[in-house]
Amino acid sequence: MKSKMIWANFAVENLDRTTEFYTNLGFRSNGKSNELTSFFFSDTNFVIHFFLKDILEKNTNVLFSKNENLNEIIFTLSAGTKEEIDEWAENVKNEGGKIESEPKEFGDNYYGFTFSDPDGHKFNVFMM
């Protein structure tokens, strides 16, 4: 078996809030409907769809938890410099995201931070 593409689907409560958050962070839209908003997350056009929670649950027969302490996956976004990472962190705060861990050095030549979007989806931003 061979897959032609891969993308991610997240459940969200408010499409307008999600659209504004990711647009203001500089991600390029992949479209919006009354059921989802979608963004490209890299130069390779990796897509994340943000579906309204009830639509995604109905279409997949999977229940999605609202518990902000749980997470099945953390996507990592790469950055080129410490200054770029610090700018990311400031923009995330300004747009209503939650900083889970402040920017810091770790490991050998690593620098980064972790944040949650308004629906609790977690991302790392780091450089190595």
Protein backbone atom coordinates (compact mmCIF):
# COMPACT_ATOMS: atom_id res chain seq x y z
CA MET A 1 0.00 0.00 0.00
CA LYS A 2 1.22 3.50 -0.80
CA SER A 3 -0.22 6.81 0.35
CA LYS A 4 -0.27 9.72 -2.11
CA MET A 5 -0.61 12.47 0.51
CA ILE A 6 -0.85 13.11 4.23
CA TRP A 7 -2.57 15.94 6.09
CA ALA A 8 -3.94 16.50 9.58
CA ASN A 9 -7.48 17.09 10.82
CA PHE A 10 -8.14 18.89 14.12
CA ALA A 11 -11.45 19.51 15.87
CA VAL A 12 -12.22 23.12 16.83
CA GLU A 13 -15.07 25.00 18.48
CA ASN A 14 -14.99 28.25 16.49
CA LEU A 15 -13.94 28.52 12.82
CA ASP A 16 -13.68 32.31 12.80
CA ARG A 17 -11.40 32.35 15.86
CA THR A 18 -9.22 29.59 14.39
CA THR A 19 -9.05 31.31 11.00
CA GLU A 20 -8.05 34.62 12.58
CA PHE A 21 -5.42 32.98 14.84
CA TYR A 22 -3.57 31.15 12.06
CA THR A 23 -3.98 33.95 9.51
CA ASN A 24 -2.48 36.43 11.96
CA LEU A 25 0.45 34.07 12.59
CA GLY A 26 1.16 34.23 8.86
CA PHE A 27 -0.02 30.84 7.61
CA ARG A 28 -1.42 30.67 4.07
CA SER A 29 -5.06 29.69 3.79
CA ASN A 30 -6.05 26.53 1.96
CA GLY A 31 -9.72 27.57 2.00
CA LYS A 32 -12.65 27.90 4.36
CA SER A 33 -16.21 26.61 4.37
CA ASN A 34 -19.00 26.48 6.92
CA GLU A 35 -17.47 23.19 8.24
CA LEU A 36 -13.71 23.81 8.20
CA THR A 37 -10.85 26.22 7.80
CA SER A 38 -7.60 24.94 6.34
CA PHE A 39 -3.98 26.15 6.23
CA PHE A 40 -0.65 25.27 4.63
CA PHE A 41 2.01 24.80 7.32
CA SER A 42 5.24 24.55 5.36
CA ASP A 43 7.02 25.11 2.08
CA THR A 44 6.08 21.51 1.21
CA ASN A 45 2.38 22.46 1.51
CA PHE A 46 1.60 20.25 4.52
CA VAL A 47 -2.06 20.94 5.25
CA ILE A 48 -3.94 21.03 8.53
CA HIS A 49 -7.74 21.14 8.33
CA PHE A 50 -9.56 22.55 11.36
CA PHE A 51 -13.07 21.07 11.32
CA LEU A 52 -15.91 22.07 13.57
CA LYS A 53 -15.82 19.44 16.32
CA ASP A 54 -19.37 18.15 15.76
CA ILE A 55 -18.79 17.78 11.99
CA LEU A 56 -15.54 15.83 12.47
CA GLU A 57 -17.12 13.58 15.12
CA LYS A 58 -20.14 12.89 12.89
CA ASN A 59 -18.00 12.10 9.83
CA THR A 60 -15.42 9.90 11.61
CA ASN A 61 -17.46 8.34 14.45
CA VAL A 62 -14.63 9.42 16.78
CA LEU A 63 -15.15 11.54 19.90
CA PHE A 64 -12.67 14.36 20.43
CA SER A 65 -11.83 15.40 23.98
CA LYS A 66 -11.82 19.02 25.13
CA ASN A 67 -9.36 18.21 27.95
CA GLU A 68 -6.47 20.64 27.41
CA ASN A 69 -4.11 18.36 29.37
CA LEU A 70 -4.34 15.61 26.74
CA ASN A 71 -2.64 15.62 23.37
CA GLU A 72 -2.11 12.87 20.81
CA ILE A 73 0.42 14.72 18.69
CA ILE A 74 2.60 17.82 18.73
CA PHE A 75 3.58 19.22 15.36
CA THR A 76 6.98 20.89 15.21
CA LEU A 77 7.53 24.03 13.16
CA SER A 78 11.15 24.81 12.33
CA ALA A 79 12.70 28.24 12.63
CA GLY A 80 16.07 29.54 11.52
CA THR A 81 17.18 31.76 14.40
CA LYS A 82 16.59 32.42 18.10
CA GLU A 83 15.22 35.84 17.17
CA GLU A 84 12.67 34.24 14.85
CA ILE A 85 11.57 31.88 17.64
CA ASP A 86 11.23 34.76 20.11
CA GLU A 87 9.13 36.61 17.52
CA TRP A 88 6.94 33.51 17.07
CA ALA A 89 6.38 33.32 20.83
CA GLU A 90 5.42 36.99 21.02
CA ASN A 91 3.02 36.66 18.07
CA VAL A 92 1.40 33.55 19.56
CA LYS A 93 0.79 35.43 22.85
CA ASN A 94 -0.58 38.47 21.03
CA GLU A 95 -3.01 36.34 19.02
CA GLY A 96 -4.49 34.52 22.02
CA GLY A 97 -2.38 31.37 22.05
CA LYS A 98 -1.02 29.91 25.28
CA ILE A 99 2.72 29.48 25.80
CA GLU A 100 3.19 26.03 27.32
CA SER A 101 6.96 26.43 27.71
CA GLU A 102 8.82 29.70 27.20
CA PRO A 103 11.61 29.88 24.60
CA LYS A 104 14.76 28.27 26.00
CA GLU A 105 17.91 26.41 25.08
CA PHE A 106 17.89 22.64 25.45
CA GLY A 107 20.00 19.77 24.27
CA ASP A 108 22.94 20.47 21.99
CA ASN A 109 22.26 23.67 19.98
CA TYR A 110 18.46 23.47 20.30
CA TYR A 111 16.27 26.47 21.10
CA GLY A 112 12.50 26.63 21.11
CA PHE A 113 9.14 26.74 22.85
CA THR A 114 5.77 25.01 22.92
CA PHE A 115 2.37 26.66 22.50
CA SER A 116 -1.31 25.79 22.37
CA ASP A 117 -3.76 27.36 19.95
CA PRO A 118 -7.15 28.61 21.24
CA ASP A 119 -8.55 25.05 21.02
CA GLY A 120 -5.64 23.47 22.91
CA HIS A 121 -3.77 21.97 19.90
CA LYS A 122 -0.06 21.98 20.71
CA PHE A 123 2.91 22.93 18.54
CA ASN A 124 6.66 23.17 19.08
CA VAL A 125 8.64 25.90 17.37
CA PHE A 126 12.37 25.28 17.45
CA MET A 127 15.70 25.49 15.69
CA MET A 128 18.60 23.07 15.73
